[in-house]
Amino acid sequence: MHSIQHPADAYQATIFHIDNPSMKELCEPVEGVVPENAREKLSRFKIRMASNPVRQDFARMLVQKMYSNRGYDTDDAARPAEDPPPSQLTLIASAPDETPLGTMSVIFDSGNGLPADAVYKDLLDPLRREGRRLIEVGRLAIDRTEASRRLFAGMVHVILIYASAIHRYTDMVIEVNPRHVGYYRKILKFEIIGEARHCPRVNATAVLMHIKIKDMLGHAKTMGGQGHRRTDEKSLYPYFFSPQDALGILARVLADQLR
């Protein structure tokens, strides 16, 4: 099966569309947020900004379901949909039939700070004083399975393009459960910068992790588009977009910004 990656401007309101990519060993059945027929749905998906109430509801539903399944508080995720603040971008991935497959939000450091400031402000402020421009990934609802690696990688890469090329942000942080530290270190090469602390937002223990965006983009440039052919690499970076596709996505996002 061959991968057909359509130009970023070929689908209205769609940042990227993948039709029947080579999934090979990535199609084991998965449980949880991703539907049971993951082999079919995850082989074809679209990534879009959650810019209308319907997509925002999809994103909120996925987050609420995953958080509740893992025993986290879901009050924040269950709030009625509102227009996202200018400092937040939410992406949603969906199948051709519009079944939601995953969602991810990024919060841009602004006058209101980041959600992680509630617990780790003492560690984030020194980065700001160094001139770093921070983003925080949150509200992530994508199963950690082999079948969703391309989906997860695609959403992260879109966020990187949007944050770095357009808004010049330099560093990414994420609060994760201590049990997931090894996973994020392996798949995206995050490193711990904050010890385990209680996060009241989800009523659970969190660890603060960090990576420079330029390092992520460097990995994407050298490994992106190689997928399962890159057998020596355990991270998600081979499942990022190829440099050519990344340029197409940048052009599409820039065009949206000028509207």
C-alpha atoms as a PDB file:
ATOM      1  CA  MET A   1       0.000   0.000   0.000  1.00  0.00           C
ATOM      2  CA  HIS A   2       1.400   3.386  -0.936  1.00  0.00           C
ATOM      3  CA  SER A   3       1.129   6.636   0.958  1.00  0.00           C
ATOM      4  CA  ILE A   4      -0.701   9.465  -0.790  1.00  0.00           C
ATOM      5  CA  GLN A   5      -0.128  12.743   1.036  1.00  0.00           C
ATOM      6  CA  HIS A   6      -2.250  15.469  -0.498  1.00  0.00           C
ATOM      7  CA  PRO A   7      -1.099  19.096  -0.675  1.00  0.00           C
ATOM      8  CA  ALA A   8      -2.078  21.074   2.383  1.00  0.00           C
ATOM      9  CA  ASP A   9      -4.363  23.354   0.370  1.00  0.00           C
ATOM     10  CA  ALA A  10      -6.314  20.573  -1.356  1.00  0.00           C
ATOM     11  CA  TYR A  11      -9.037  20.351   1.276  1.00  0.00           C
ATOM     12  CA  GLN A  12     -10.970  23.353   2.504  1.00  0.00           C
ATOM     13  CA  ALA A  13     -10.388  24.030   6.238  1.00  0.00           C
ATOM     14  CA  THR A  14      -8.110  21.000   6.455  1.00  0.00           C
ATOM     15  CA  ILE A  15      -4.477  21.505   7.433  1.00  0.00           C
ATOM     16  CA  PHE A  16      -3.392  18.037   6.356  1.00  0.00           C
ATOM     17  CA  HIS A  17      -5.048  14.955   4.888  1.00  0.00           C
ATOM     18  CA  ILE A  18      -3.591  11.448   4.685  1.00  0.00           C
ATOM     19  CA  ASP A  19      -5.249   8.851   2.492  1.00  0.00           C
ATOM     20  CA  ASN A  20      -4.265   5.205   2.984  1.00  0.00           C
ATOM     21  CA  PRO A  21      -0.701   5.632   4.243  1.00  0.00           C
ATOM     22  CA  SER A  22       1.440   2.551   4.636  1.00  0.00           C
ATOM     23  CA  MET A  23       0.389   1.348   8.087  1.00  0.00           C
ATOM     24  CA  LYS A  24       1.890  -2.152   8.072  1.00  0.00           C
ATOM     25  CA  GLU A  25       2.629  -3.059  11.720  1.00  0.00           C
ATOM     26  CA  LEU A  26       0.829   0.044  13.014  1.00  0.00           C
ATOM     27  CA  CYS A  27      -2.691  -1.364  12.726  1.00  0.00           C
ATOM     28  CA  GLU A  28      -3.176  -3.512  15.815  1.00  0.00           C
ATOM     29  CA  PRO A  29      -6.668  -3.134  17.358  1.00  0.00           C
ATOM     30  CA  VAL A  30      -6.735  -0.486  20.061  1.00  0.00           C
ATOM     31  CA  GLU A  31      -9.110   0.341  22.878  1.00  0.00           C
ATOM     32  CA  GLY A  32     -10.209   3.559  24.515  1.00  0.00           C
ATOM     33  CA  VAL A  33     -10.740   6.817  22.678  1.00  0.00           C
ATOM     34  CA  VAL A  34      -9.794   5.526  19.243  1.00  0.00           C
ATOM     35  CA  PRO A  35     -12.644   3.464  17.696  1.00  0.00           C
ATOM     36  CA  GLU A  36     -12.346  -0.310  17.466  1.00  0.00           C
ATOM     37  CA  ASN A  37     -12.054  -0.229  13.671  1.00  0.00           C
ATOM     38  CA  ALA A  38      -8.775   1.660  14.017  1.00  0.00           C
ATOM     39  CA  ARG A  39      -7.166  -0.138  11.079  1.00  0.00           C
ATOM     40  CA  GLU A  40      -9.524   1.580   8.635  1.00  0.00           C
ATOM     41  CA  LYS A  41     -10.029   4.927  10.347  1.00  0.00           C
ATOM     42  CA  LEU A  42      -6.426   5.583  11.355  1.00  0.00           C
ATOM     43  CA  SER A  43      -5.265   4.835   7.807  1.00  0.00           C
ATOM     44  CA  ARG A  44      -7.109   7.949   6.586  1.00  0.00           C
ATOM     45  CA  PHE A  45      -7.426  11.086   8.662  1.00  0.00           C
ATOM     46  CA  LYS A  46      -7.604  14.866   8.519  1.00  0.00           C
ATOM     47  CA  ILE A  47      -6.088  17.389  10.916  1.00  0.00           C
ATOM     48  CA  ARG A  48      -8.018  20.602  11.420  1.00  0.00           C
ATOM     49  CA  MET A  49      -8.217  23.488  13.849  1.00  0.00           C
ATOM     50  CA  ALA A  50     -11.167  23.215  16.225  1.00  0.00           C
ATOM     51  CA  SER A  51     -12.479  26.570  15.079  1.00  0.00           C
ATOM     52  CA  ASN A  52     -16.214  25.975  15.428  1.00  0.00           C
ATOM     53  CA  PRO A  53     -18.460  24.734  18.278  1.00  0.00           C
ATOM     54  CA  VAL A  54     -18.957  21.259  16.786  1.00  0.00           C
ATOM     55  CA  ARG A  55     -15.229  20.540  16.591  1.00  0.00           C
ATOM     56  CA  GLN A  56     -14.695  22.086  20.021  1.00  0.00           C
ATOM     57  CA  ASP A  57     -17.360  19.721  21.391  1.00  0.00           C
ATOM     58  CA  PHE A  58     -15.553  16.771  19.759  1.00  0.00           C
ATOM     59  CA  ALA A  59     -12.288  17.842  21.373  1.00  0.00           C
ATOM     60  CA  ARG A  60     -13.873  18.303  24.795  1.00  0.00           C
ATOM     61  CA  MET A  61     -15.622  14.920  24.571  1.00  0.00           C
ATOM     62  CA  LEU A  62     -12.377  13.093  23.785  1.00  0.00           C
ATOM     63  CA  VAL A  63     -10.502  14.783  26.619  1.00  0.00           C
ATOM     64  CA  GLN A  64     -13.293  14.109  29.109  1.00  0.00           C
ATOM     65  CA  LYS A  65     -13.487  10.435  28.114  1.00  0.00           C
ATOM     66  CA  MET A  66      -9.763   9.793  28.345  1.00  0.00           C
ATOM     67  CA  TYR A  67      -9.303  11.729  31.589  1.00  0.00           C
ATOM     68  CA  SER A  68     -12.224   9.988  33.293  1.00  0.00           C
ATOM     69  CA  ASN A  69     -10.980   6.579  32.122  1.00  0.00           C
ATOM     70  CA  ARG A  70      -7.665   7.309  33.825  1.00  0.00           C
ATOM     71  CA  GLY A  71      -9.216   8.570  37.044  1.00  0.00           C
ATOM     72  CA  TYR A  72      -8.458  12.269  36.572  1.00  0.00           C
ATOM     73  CA  ASP A  73     -10.847  15.069  37.416  1.00  0.00           C
ATOM     74  CA  THR A  74     -12.797  16.123  34.330  1.00  0.00           C
ATOM     75  CA  ASP A  75     -14.581  19.263  35.517  1.00  0.00           C
ATOM     76  CA  ASP A  76     -12.371  21.504  33.389  1.00  0.00           C
ATOM     77  CA  ALA A  77     -12.798  19.342  30.296  1.00  0.00           C
ATOM     78  CA  ALA A  78     -16.561  19.175  30.750  1.00  0.00           C
ATOM     79  CA  ARG A  79     -17.184  22.902  30.637  1.00  0.00           C
ATOM     80  CA  PRO A  80     -19.461  24.073  27.794  1.00  0.00           C
ATOM     81  CA  ALA A  81     -17.679  24.944  24.566  1.00  0.00           C
ATOM     82  CA  GLU A  82     -16.614  28.564  24.214  1.00  0.00           C
ATOM     83  CA  ASP A  83     -14.490  30.414  21.734  1.00  0.00           C
ATOM     84  CA  PRO A  84     -10.896  29.486  22.619  1.00  0.00           C
ATOM     85  CA  PRO A  85      -8.776  32.370  23.860  1.00  0.00           C
ATOM     86  CA  PRO A  86      -6.284  33.899  21.411  1.00  0.00           C
ATOM     87  CA  SER A  87      -3.483  32.244  23.387  1.00  0.00           C
ATOM     88  CA  GLN A  88      -4.783  28.717  22.720  1.00  0.00           C
ATOM     89  CA  LEU A  89      -4.920  26.501  19.633  1.00  0.00           C
ATOM     90  CA  THR A  90      -6.827  23.215  19.557  1.00  0.00           C
ATOM     91  CA  LEU A  91      -6.405  20.628  16.815  1.00  0.00           C
ATOM     92  CA  ILE A  92      -8.729  17.748  16.121  1.00  0.00           C
ATOM     93  CA  ALA A  93      -8.013  14.728  13.935  1.00  0.00           C
ATOM     94  CA  SER A  94     -10.964  13.010  12.323  1.00  0.00           C
ATOM     95  CA  ALA A  95     -11.721  10.189   9.927  1.00  0.00           C
ATOM     96  CA  PRO A  96     -13.280  10.881   6.501  1.00  0.00           C
ATOM     97  CA  ASP A  97     -16.719  10.252   8.065  1.00  0.00           C
ATOM     98  CA  GLU A  98     -15.903  12.930  10.687  1.00  0.00           C
ATOM     99  CA  THR A  99     -15.451  10.424  13.521  1.00  0.00           C
ATOM    100  CA  PRO A 100     -13.114  12.193  15.976  1.00  0.00           C
ATOM    101  CA  LEU A 101      -9.859  10.286  16.456  1.00  0.00           C
ATOM    102  CA  GLY A 102      -7.802  12.570  18.647  1.00  0.00           C
ATOM    103  CA  THR A 103      -7.301  16.075  19.936  1.00  0.00           C
ATOM    104  CA  MET A 104      -4.475  18.207  21.246  1.00  0.00           C
ATOM    105  CA  SER A 105      -4.310  21.776  22.522  1.00  0.00           C
ATOM    106  CA  VAL A 106      -1.385  24.131  22.888  1.00  0.00           C
ATOM    107  CA  ILE A 107      -1.349  27.182  25.130  1.00  0.00           C
ATOM    108  CA  PHE A 108       0.923  30.055  24.175  1.00  0.00           C
ATOM    109  CA  ASP A 109       2.661  31.981  26.930  1.00  0.00           C
ATOM    110  CA  SER A 110       1.017  35.371  27.238  1.00  0.00           C
ATOM    111  CA  GLY A 111       0.059  37.910  29.839  1.00  0.00           C
ATOM    112  CA  ASN A 112      -2.065  35.202  31.456  1.00  0.00           C
ATOM    113  CA  GLY A 113       0.818  32.741  31.690  1.00  0.00           C
ATOM    114  CA  LEU A 114       0.528  28.971  31.248  1.00  0.00           C
ATOM    115  CA  PRO A 115      -1.535  26.365  33.119  1.00  0.00           C
ATOM    116  CA  ALA A 116       1.738  24.906  34.423  1.00  0.00           C
ATOM    117  CA  ASP A 117       2.415  28.177  36.250  1.00  0.00           C
ATOM    118  CA  ALA A 118      -0.072  27.054  38.898  1.00  0.00           C
ATOM    119  CA  VAL A 119       2.446  24.427  40.007  1.00  0.00           C
ATOM    120  CA  TYR A 120       5.783  25.259  38.356  1.00  0.00           C
ATOM    121  CA  LYS A 121       5.954  29.045  38.031  1.00  0.00           C
ATOM    122  CA  ASP A 122       9.227  29.052  39.994  1.00  0.00           C
ATOM    123  CA  LEU A 123      10.787  26.911  37.235  1.00  0.00           C
ATOM    124  CA  LEU A 124       9.181  28.590  34.230  1.00  0.00           C
ATOM    125  CA  ASP A 125      10.023  32.182  35.159  1.00  0.00           C
ATOM    126  CA  PRO A 126      13.808  31.609  34.873  1.00  0.00           C
ATOM    127  CA  LEU A 127      13.265  30.368  31.295  1.00  0.00           C
ATOM    128  CA  ARG A 128      11.289  33.507  30.514  1.00  0.00           C
ATOM    129  CA  ARG A 129      14.046  35.684  31.926  1.00  0.00           C
ATOM    130  CA  GLU A 130      16.443  33.981  29.499  1.00  0.00           C
ATOM    131  CA  GLY A 131      14.232  35.187  26.651  1.00  0.00           C
ATOM    132  CA  ARG A 132      12.583  31.835  25.992  1.00  0.00           C
ATOM    133  CA  ARG A 133       9.075  31.919  24.512  1.00  0.00           C
ATOM    134  CA  LEU A 134       7.099  29.028  25.939  1.00  0.00           C
ATOM    135  CA  ILE A 135       4.191  26.886  24.822  1.00  0.00           C
ATOM    136  CA  GLU A 136       2.480  24.179  26.838  1.00  0.00           C
ATOM    137  CA  VAL A 137       0.799  21.094  25.388  1.00  0.00           C
ATOM    138  CA  GLY A 138      -2.361  20.055  27.183  1.00  0.00           C
ATOM    139  CA  ARG A 139      -5.806  18.511  26.765  1.00  0.00           C
ATOM    140  CA  LEU A 140      -4.245  15.605  24.919  1.00  0.00           C
ATOM    141  CA  ALA A 141      -6.556  12.730  24.044  1.00  0.00           C
ATOM    142  CA  ILE A 142      -4.836  10.212  21.789  1.00  0.00           C
ATOM    143  CA  ASP A 143      -4.327   6.614  22.837  1.00  0.00           C
ATOM    144  CA  ARG A 144      -0.709   5.643  23.357  1.00  0.00           C
ATOM    145  CA  THR A 145      -0.796   2.785  20.846  1.00  0.00           C
ATOM    146  CA  GLU A 146       1.171   1.801  17.806  1.00  0.00           C
ATOM    147  CA  ALA A 147      -1.864   2.454  15.603  1.00  0.00           C
ATOM    148  CA  SER A 148      -1.977   6.128  16.539  1.00  0.00           C
ATOM    149  CA  ARG A 149       1.695   7.036  16.131  1.00  0.00           C
ATOM    150  CA  ARG A 150       1.259   8.774  12.775  1.00  0.00           C
ATOM    151  CA  LEU A 151      -1.813  10.598  14.096  1.00  0.00           C
ATOM    152  CA  PHE A 152      -0.009  11.800  17.231  1.00  0.00           C
ATOM    153  CA  ALA A 153       3.106  12.787  15.273  1.00  0.00           C
ATOM    154  CA  GLY A 154       1.086  14.738  12.723  1.00  0.00           C
ATOM    155  CA  MET A 155      -0.688  16.798  15.363  1.00  0.00           C
ATOM    156  CA  VAL A 156       2.538  17.607  17.208  1.00  0.00           C
ATOM    157  CA  HIS A 157       4.234  18.624  13.950  1.00  0.00           C
ATOM    158  CA  VAL A 158       1.386  20.978  13.011  1.00  0.00           C
ATOM    159  CA  ILE A 159       1.669  22.620  16.434  1.00  0.00           C
ATOM    160  CA  LEU A 160       5.430  23.018  15.990  1.00  0.00           C
ATOM    161  CA  ILE A 161       4.993  24.646  12.585  1.00  0.00           C
ATOM    162  CA  TYR A 162       2.334  27.006  13.894  1.00  0.00           C
ATOM    163  CA  ALA A 163       4.224  27.918  17.067  1.00  0.00           C
ATOM    164  CA  SER A 164       7.719  28.273  15.634  1.00  0.00           C
ATOM    165  CA  ALA A 165       7.484  29.424  12.030  1.00  0.00           C
ATOM    166  CA  ILE A 166       4.568  31.797  12.562  1.00  0.00           C
ATOM    167  CA  HIS A 167       4.805  32.957  16.174  1.00  0.00           C
ATOM    168  CA  ARG A 168       8.485  32.359  16.975  1.00  0.00           C
ATOM    169  CA  TYR A 169       8.014  30.337  20.144  1.00  0.00           C
ATOM    170  CA  THR A 170      11.163  28.544  21.270  1.00  0.00           C
ATOM    171  CA  ASP A 171      10.374  25.966  23.958  1.00  0.00           C
ATOM    172  CA  MET A 172       7.684  23.394  24.712  1.00  0.00           C
ATOM    173  CA  VAL A 173       6.683  22.167  28.160  1.00  0.00           C
ATOM    174  CA  ILE A 174       4.214  19.525  29.245  1.00  0.00           C
ATOM    175  CA  GLU A 175       2.923  18.262  32.589  1.00  0.00           C
ATOM    176  CA  VAL A 176       2.718  14.467  32.639  1.00  0.00           C
ATOM    177  CA  ASN A 177       1.895  11.720  35.082  1.00  0.00           C
ATOM    178  CA  PRO A 178       5.138  10.346  36.596  1.00  0.00           C
ATOM    179  CA  ARG A 179       4.333   6.941  35.069  1.00  0.00           C
ATOM    180  CA  HIS A 180       4.480   8.483  31.587  1.00  0.00           C
ATOM    181  CA  VAL A 181       7.846  10.212  31.904  1.00  0.00           C
ATOM    182  CA  GLY A 182       9.698   7.411  30.132  1.00  0.00           C
ATOM    183  CA  TYR A 183       7.159   7.398  27.314  1.00  0.00           C
ATOM    184  CA  TYR A 184       7.514  11.120  26.534  1.00  0.00           C
ATOM    185  CA  ARG A 185      11.271  10.916  26.869  1.00  0.00           C
ATOM    186  CA  LYS A 186      11.319   8.108  24.297  1.00  0.00           C
ATOM    187  CA  ILE A 187       8.788   9.355  21.752  1.00  0.00           C
ATOM    188  CA  LEU A 188       9.622  13.086  21.672  1.00  0.00           C
ATOM    189  CA  LYS A 189      12.905  13.321  23.645  1.00  0.00           C
ATOM    190  CA  PHE A 190      11.488  15.496  26.430  1.00  0.00           C
ATOM    191  CA  GLU A 191      13.586  15.907  29.584  1.00  0.00           C
ATOM    192  CA  ILE A 192      12.438  16.461  33.166  1.00  0.00           C
ATOM    193  CA  ILE A 193      12.891  19.984  34.519  1.00  0.00           C
ATOM    194  CA  GLY A 194      10.435  19.844  37.429  1.00  0.00           C
ATOM    195  CA  GLU A 195      10.072  17.234  40.153  1.00  0.00           C
ATOM    196  CA  ALA A 196       6.787  15.504  40.919  1.00  0.00           C
ATOM    197  CA  ARG A 197       4.204  17.851  42.435  1.00  0.00           C
ATOM    198  CA  HIS A 198       0.458  17.755  42.984  1.00  0.00           C
ATOM    199  CA  CYS A 199      -1.509  19.285  40.097  1.00  0.00           C
ATOM    200  CA  PRO A 200      -4.880  20.541  41.376  1.00  0.00           C
ATOM    201  CA  ARG A 201      -6.209  20.946  37.834  1.00  0.00           C
ATOM    202  CA  VAL A 202      -6.544  17.160  37.419  1.00  0.00           C
ATOM    203  CA  ASN A 203      -6.126  16.242  41.101  1.00  0.00           C
ATOM    204  CA  ALA A 204      -3.096  14.065  40.375  1.00  0.00           C
ATOM    205  CA  THR A 205       0.680  14.124  40.610  1.00  0.00           C
ATOM    206  CA  ALA A 206       2.506  15.707  37.672  1.00  0.00           C
ATOM    207  CA  VAL A 207       6.070  16.061  36.426  1.00  0.00           C
ATOM    208  CA  LEU A 208       7.168  19.015  34.282  1.00  0.00           C
ATOM    209  CA  MET A 209       9.054  18.114  31.094  1.00  0.00           C
ATOM    210  CA  HIS A 210      10.700  20.370  28.518  1.00  0.00           C
ATOM    211  CA  ILE A 211      12.291  20.407  25.065  1.00  0.00           C
ATOM    212  CA  LYS A 212      13.553  23.127  22.730  1.00  0.00           C
ATOM    213  CA  ILE A 213      11.381  23.491  19.648  1.00  0.00           C
ATOM    214  CA  LYS A 214      14.437  23.873  17.410  1.00  0.00           C
ATOM    215  CA  ASP A 215      15.585  20.417  18.535  1.00  0.00           C
ATOM    216  CA  MET A 216      12.187  18.929  17.688  1.00  0.00           C
ATOM    217  CA  LEU A 217      12.208  20.546  14.257  1.00  0.00           C
ATOM    218  CA  GLY A 218      15.749  19.295  13.707  1.00  0.00           C
ATOM    219  CA  HIS A 219      14.681  15.720  14.423  1.00  0.00           C
ATOM    220  CA  ALA A 220      11.674  16.184  12.138  1.00  0.00           C
ATOM    221  CA  LYS A 221      13.855  17.481   9.310  1.00  0.00           C
ATOM    222  CA  THR A 222      16.242  14.525   9.431  1.00  0.00           C
ATOM    223  CA  MET A 223      13.707  11.756  10.116  1.00  0.00           C
ATOM    224  CA  GLY A 224      10.276  13.019   9.029  1.00  0.00           C
ATOM    225  CA  GLY A 225       8.406  11.013   6.406  1.00  0.00           C
ATOM    226  CA  GLN A 226      10.390   7.805   6.958  1.00  0.00           C
ATOM    227  CA  GLY A 227       7.797   6.058   9.125  1.00  0.00           C
ATOM    228  CA  HIS A 228       8.296   2.374   9.905  1.00  0.00           C
ATOM    229  CA  ARG A 229      11.237   2.249   7.483  1.00  0.00           C
ATOM    230  CA  ARG A 230      13.357   3.907  10.172  1.00  0.00           C
ATOM    231  CA  THR A 231      13.750   0.744  12.245  1.00  0.00           C
ATOM    232  CA  ASP A 232      16.635   2.092  14.339  1.00  0.00           C
ATOM    233  CA  GLU A 233      14.591   4.954  15.824  1.00  0.00           C
ATOM    234  CA  LYS A 234      12.058   4.491  18.632  1.00  0.00           C
ATOM    235  CA  SER A 235      10.757   8.050  18.727  1.00  0.00           C
ATOM    236  CA  LEU A 236       7.801   9.526  16.845  1.00  0.00           C
ATOM    237  CA  TYR A 237       9.975  11.711  14.633  1.00  0.00           C
ATOM    238  CA  PRO A 238      10.041   9.311  11.646  1.00  0.00           C
ATOM    239  CA  TYR A 239       6.232   9.684  11.605  1.00  0.00           C
ATOM    240  CA  PHE A 240       6.404  13.466  11.388  1.00  0.00           C
ATOM    241  CA  PHE A 241       5.758  14.997   7.975  1.00  0.00           C
ATOM    242  CA  SER A 242       8.459  15.009   5.333  1.00  0.00           C
ATOM    243  CA  PRO A 243      10.190  18.372   4.763  1.00  0.00           C
ATOM    244  CA  GLN A 244       8.173  18.825   1.560  1.00  0.00           C
ATOM    245  CA  ASP A 245       4.850  18.196   3.304  1.00  0.00           C
ATOM    246  CA  ALA A 246       5.872  20.482   6.174  1.00  0.00           C
ATOM    247  CA  LEU A 247       6.366  23.348   3.720  1.00  0.00           C
ATOM    248  CA  GLY A 248       2.888  22.757   2.309  1.00  0.00           C
ATOM    249  CA  ILE A 249       1.372  22.833   5.788  1.00  0.00           C
ATOM    250  CA  LEU A 250       3.207  26.051   6.596  1.00  0.00           C
ATOM    251  CA  ALA A 251       1.825  27.641   3.423  1.00  0.00           C
ATOM    252  CA  ARG A 252      -1.717  26.597   4.349  1.00  0.00           C
ATOM    253  CA  VAL A 253      -1.473  27.889   7.906  1.00  0.00           C
ATOM    254  CA  LEU A 254       0.033  31.170   6.709  1.00  0.00           C
ATOM    255  CA  ALA A 255      -2.828  31.583   4.245  1.00  0.00           C
ATOM    256  CA  ASP A 256      -5.338  31.038   7.052  1.00  0.00           C
ATOM    257  CA  GLN A 257      -3.595  33.702   9.141  1.00  0.00           C
ATOM    258  CA  LEU A 258      -3.981  36.264   6.355  1.00  0.00           C
ATOM    259  CA  ARG A 259      -7.737  35.772   5.978  1.00  0.00           C
END
